[in-house]
Amino acid sequence: MSLGKMIKSSDVKGDTPYDIILRAWLDHKTADLPAQLAGMLIRWQKVDVLIRQGEIVSAADADGTIKQVRKRFNFSGLVEWIRQEYRVSARTAYEDIRNAKRFFLSCEGREDVEYSRGVMIEWGENMMHSAFEAGDFDAASKFFKELNKIKGLHEQRVDVPDYSEFVPPTFTIVADPTELGFEKIDNPDEVVARILNEKRAGFIDSEAEDAEVMPDGE
């Protein structure tokens, strides 16, 4: 399945909860999901939002002023949030995180590293705008340069063929050799038998020539 292409529900095989939810999502039929599966999808959507947006916490400035800031969830913190919010086990919370990343990766056609890059870009842009609005243009400029590196805007792009448009050659199996220009053989069974006899005779002659002649009496 090629990256960057939206997959179809017919591409999704299997009957695991993940497969069923993904097919329903692609067919725009999530409203028809059973309550348990619908609840799983809701948790995955929330996890994806939390990974991208982080959480609001209180932090003190250098002068001691308390303000609300946004920070990324660490893995254990996200697991604990899911456990408390949805009253599920730690194991279920871990599975929710794994499935959320896999689910939205599948729908958007990106590799895991691209998922992480997208999150980093969102965070970097937020911090760049915050620094700019605060008048810290030096910090905003550094964020801007770093974002350009993450996005690869300075990299030289190499044109490659669009493999999605590649049409593989079609091969046809031909049972009659005469269609390929070979001479027609009316008695193929006799020809095969003759060739085998010749090979067998040649093999016996060769073995006879290579055989060691033993002197009499030995």
Protein backbone atom coordinates (compact mmCIF):
# COMPACT_ATOMS: atom_id res chain seq x y z
CA MET A 1 0.00 0.00 0.00
CA SER A 2 1.64 3.26 -1.07
CA LEU A 3 2.22 6.10 1.33
CA GLY A 4 0.42 9.36 0.77
CA LYS A 5 -2.60 7.55 -0.68
CA MET A 6 -5.86 7.30 1.23
CA ILE A 7 -6.59 3.65 1.83
CA LYS A 8 -9.98 2.11 1.14
CA SER A 9 -12.08 -0.01 3.46
CA SER A 10 -11.65 -2.92 1.04
CA ASP A 11 -7.89 -2.73 1.68
CA VAL A 12 -8.43 -3.52 5.38
CA LYS A 13 -8.46 -7.26 6.00
CA GLY A 14 -9.18 -9.09 9.24
CA ASP A 15 -11.85 -8.90 11.93
CA THR A 16 -9.98 -7.52 14.94
CA PRO A 17 -11.59 -4.56 16.77
CA TYR A 18 -9.00 -2.31 15.11
CA ASP A 19 -9.92 -3.59 11.63
CA ILE A 20 -13.65 -3.19 12.23
CA ILE A 21 -13.26 0.37 13.53
CA LEU A 22 -10.96 1.38 10.68
CA ARG A 23 -13.36 0.02 8.03
CA ALA A 24 -16.25 1.88 9.64
CA TRP A 25 -14.18 5.07 9.76
CA LEU A 26 -13.23 4.84 6.10
CA ASP A 27 -16.86 4.15 5.12
CA HIS A 28 -18.16 7.01 7.33
CA LYS A 29 -20.22 4.53 9.33
CA THR A 30 -18.76 4.97 12.83
CA ALA A 31 -22.28 5.73 14.11
CA ASP A 32 -23.13 2.08 13.44
CA LEU A 33 -20.32 0.72 15.63
CA PRO A 34 -21.25 -1.24 18.77
CA ALA A 35 -20.94 0.75 22.00
CA GLN A 36 -17.69 -0.93 23.05
CA LEU A 37 -15.95 -0.23 19.75
CA ALA A 38 -17.34 3.29 19.58
CA GLY A 39 -15.87 3.92 23.02
CA MET A 40 -12.48 2.68 21.85
CA LEU A 41 -12.54 5.07 18.90
CA ILE A 42 -13.43 8.00 21.19
CA ARG A 43 -10.43 7.21 23.39
CA TRP A 44 -8.11 6.97 20.37
CA GLN A 45 -9.29 10.34 19.10
CA LYS A 46 -8.70 11.91 22.50
CA VAL A 47 -5.25 10.36 22.76
CA ASP A 48 -4.31 11.77 19.35
CA VAL A 49 -5.43 15.25 20.45
CA LEU A 50 -3.48 15.01 23.71
CA ILE A 51 -0.32 13.88 21.92
CA ARG A 52 -0.56 16.87 19.61
CA GLN A 53 -1.73 19.54 22.05
CA GLY A 54 -0.22 18.45 25.37
CA GLU A 55 -1.58 19.55 28.74
CA ILE A 56 -1.97 22.85 30.59
CA VAL A 57 0.04 23.08 33.82
CA SER A 58 0.99 25.82 36.28
CA ALA A 59 4.59 27.03 36.15
CA ALA A 60 6.54 29.84 37.81
CA ASP A 61 8.45 32.52 35.90
CA ALA A 62 11.94 33.66 36.90
CA ASP A 63 10.32 36.38 39.03
CA GLY A 64 8.05 33.84 40.74
CA THR A 65 4.89 34.68 38.79
CA ILE A 66 2.63 31.67 38.35
CA LYS A 67 1.19 31.19 34.88
CA GLN A 68 -0.46 28.48 32.84
CA VAL A 69 1.74 26.85 30.23
CA ARG A 70 1.29 24.00 27.80
CA LYS A 71 3.67 21.05 27.88
CA ARG A 72 3.85 17.70 26.18
CA PHE A 73 2.49 14.61 27.86
CA ASN A 74 5.15 12.10 28.72
CA PHE A 75 4.20 8.49 28.08
CA SER A 76 3.50 7.49 31.68
CA GLY A 77 1.55 10.70 32.28
CA LEU A 78 -0.64 10.01 29.27
CA VAL A 79 -1.28 6.46 30.44
CA GLU A 80 -2.34 7.73 33.86
CA TRP A 81 -4.63 10.36 32.33
CA ILE A 82 -6.42 7.70 30.23
CA ARG A 83 -6.78 5.41 33.26
CA GLN A 84 -8.34 8.15 35.39
CA GLU A 85 -10.52 9.65 32.67
CA TYR A 86 -11.99 6.43 31.28
CA ARG A 87 -11.58 4.07 34.25
CA VAL A 88 -9.61 1.50 32.29
CA SER A 89 -6.59 -0.62 33.16
CA ALA A 90 -3.01 0.44 32.49
CA ARG A 91 -2.79 -2.27 29.85
CA THR A 92 -5.82 -0.87 28.04
CA ALA A 93 -4.34 2.62 28.26
CA TYR A 94 -1.09 1.43 26.68
CA GLU A 95 -3.07 -0.27 23.91
CA ASP A 96 -5.09 2.93 23.35
CA ILE A 97 -1.89 4.93 22.79
CA ARG A 98 -0.46 2.34 20.42
CA ASN A 99 -3.72 2.00 18.48
CA ALA A 100 -4.28 5.77 18.31
CA LYS A 101 -0.91 6.34 16.67
CA ARG A 102 -1.42 3.40 14.33
CA PHE A 103 -5.00 4.38 13.50
CA PHE A 104 -4.36 7.98 12.49
CA LEU A 105 -1.15 6.96 10.77
CA SER A 106 -3.18 4.53 8.63
CA CYS A 107 -5.85 7.05 7.75
CA GLU A 108 -3.34 9.75 6.83
CA GLY A 109 -0.94 7.43 5.06
CA ARG A 110 2.19 8.37 7.02
CA GLU A 111 4.99 6.40 8.58
CA ASP A 112 5.49 6.60 12.34
CA VAL A 113 8.40 9.01 11.96
CA GLU A 114 6.15 11.29 9.91
CA TYR A 115 3.54 11.20 12.66
CA SER A 116 6.17 12.35 15.17
CA ARG A 117 7.49 14.99 12.77
CA GLY A 118 3.98 16.41 12.38
CA VAL A 119 3.61 16.68 16.15
CA MET A 120 7.00 18.40 16.45
CA ILE A 121 6.11 20.89 13.72
CA GLU A 122 2.86 21.83 15.47
CA TRP A 123 4.67 22.34 18.76
CA GLY A 124 7.46 24.33 17.13
CA GLU A 125 5.03 26.62 15.33
CA ASN A 126 3.13 27.27 18.55
CA MET A 127 6.35 28.17 20.38
CA MET A 128 7.54 30.35 17.48
CA HIS A 129 4.29 32.35 17.49
CA SER A 130 4.38 32.67 21.27
CA ALA A 131 7.95 34.00 21.17
CA PHE A 132 7.06 36.44 18.39
CA GLU A 133 4.02 37.75 20.26
CA ALA A 134 6.15 38.19 23.39
CA GLY A 135 8.63 40.30 21.42
CA ASP A 136 11.41 37.73 21.64
CA PHE A 137 12.30 37.92 17.96
CA ASP A 138 15.64 36.17 18.43
CA ALA A 139 13.91 33.06 19.83
CA ALA A 140 11.22 33.26 17.13
CA SER A 141 13.94 33.35 14.46
CA LYS A 142 15.64 30.27 15.92
CA PHE A 143 12.34 28.39 15.97
CA PHE A 144 11.76 29.45 12.37
CA LYS A 145 15.15 28.08 11.24
CA GLU A 146 14.66 24.84 13.15
CA LEU A 147 11.20 24.33 11.67
CA ASN A 148 12.64 24.76 8.19
CA LYS A 149 15.10 21.96 8.96
CA ILE A 150 12.36 19.64 10.28
CA LYS A 151 10.20 20.32 7.24
CA GLY A 152 13.16 19.78 4.92
CA LEU A 153 12.59 23.04 3.06
CA HIS A 154 16.31 23.49 2.42
CA GLU A 155 16.84 20.00 1.07
CA GLN A 156 17.28 19.50 -2.66
CA ARG A 157 14.40 17.45 -3.95
CA VAL A 158 15.09 14.74 -6.50
CA ASP A 159 12.39 14.01 -9.02
CA VAL A 160 11.44 10.36 -8.94
CA PRO A 161 8.96 8.46 -11.10
CA ASP A 162 5.38 8.27 -9.93
CA TYR A 163 5.23 4.55 -9.23
CA SER A 164 1.48 4.74 -8.67
CA GLU A 165 1.15 5.18 -12.45
CA PHE A 166 3.42 2.23 -13.29
CA VAL A 167 1.63 -0.43 -15.34
CA PRO A 168 3.33 -3.83 -15.07
CA PRO A 169 3.70 -5.83 -18.31
CA THR A 170 1.15 -8.51 -19.05
CA PHE A 171 2.41 -12.02 -19.78
CA THR A 172 0.50 -14.62 -21.78
CA ILE A 173 1.12 -18.34 -21.39
CA VAL A 174 1.21 -20.05 -24.80
CA ALA A 175 0.63 -23.80 -24.92
CA ASP A 176 1.39 -24.19 -28.65
CA PRO A 177 5.11 -23.55 -29.42
CA THR A 178 4.29 -22.93 -33.09
CA GLU A 179 2.71 -19.62 -32.06
CA LEU A 180 6.20 -18.51 -31.06
CA GLY A 181 7.75 -19.57 -34.36
CA PHE A 182 9.03 -23.01 -33.38
CA GLU A 183 8.71 -25.99 -35.74
CA LYS A 184 5.69 -28.13 -35.12
CA ILE A 185 6.38 -31.67 -33.84
CA ASP A 186 3.76 -34.20 -34.86
CA ASN A 187 4.97 -37.02 -32.61
CA PRO A 188 6.31 -35.34 -29.43
CA ASP A 189 6.20 -38.56 -27.37
CA GLU A 190 8.50 -40.37 -29.80
CA VAL A 191 10.91 -37.43 -29.93
CA VAL A 192 11.12 -37.30 -26.13
CA ALA A 193 11.71 -41.06 -25.95
CA ARG A 194 14.47 -40.82 -28.55
CA ILE A 195 16.21 -37.99 -26.71
CA LEU A 196 16.05 -39.91 -23.45
CA ASN A 197 17.48 -43.03 -25.09
CA GLU A 198 20.31 -41.01 -26.60
CA LYS A 199 21.11 -39.44 -23.27
CA ARG A 200 20.97 -42.80 -21.53
CA ALA A 201 23.25 -44.36 -24.13
CA GLY A 202 25.66 -41.47 -23.91
CA PHE A 203 25.73 -41.76 -20.12
CA ILE A 204 26.54 -45.52 -20.32
CA ASP A 205 29.30 -44.94 -22.89
CA SER A 206 30.81 -42.20 -20.76
CA GLU A 207 30.78 -44.40 -17.67
CA ALA A 208 32.40 -47.23 -19.61
CA GLU A 209 35.21 -44.97 -20.81
CA ASP A 210 35.91 -43.71 -17.31
CA ALA A 211 35.81 -47.17 -15.72
CA GLU A 212 39.12 -48.45 -14.40
CA VAL A 213 40.28 -51.68 -16.06
CA MET A 214 41.30 -54.20 -13.43
CA PRO A 215 44.20 -56.59 -14.26
CA ASP A 216 43.34 -60.29 -14.44
CA GLY A 217 43.57 -62.12 -11.21
CA GLU A 218 42.76 -59.20 -9.02
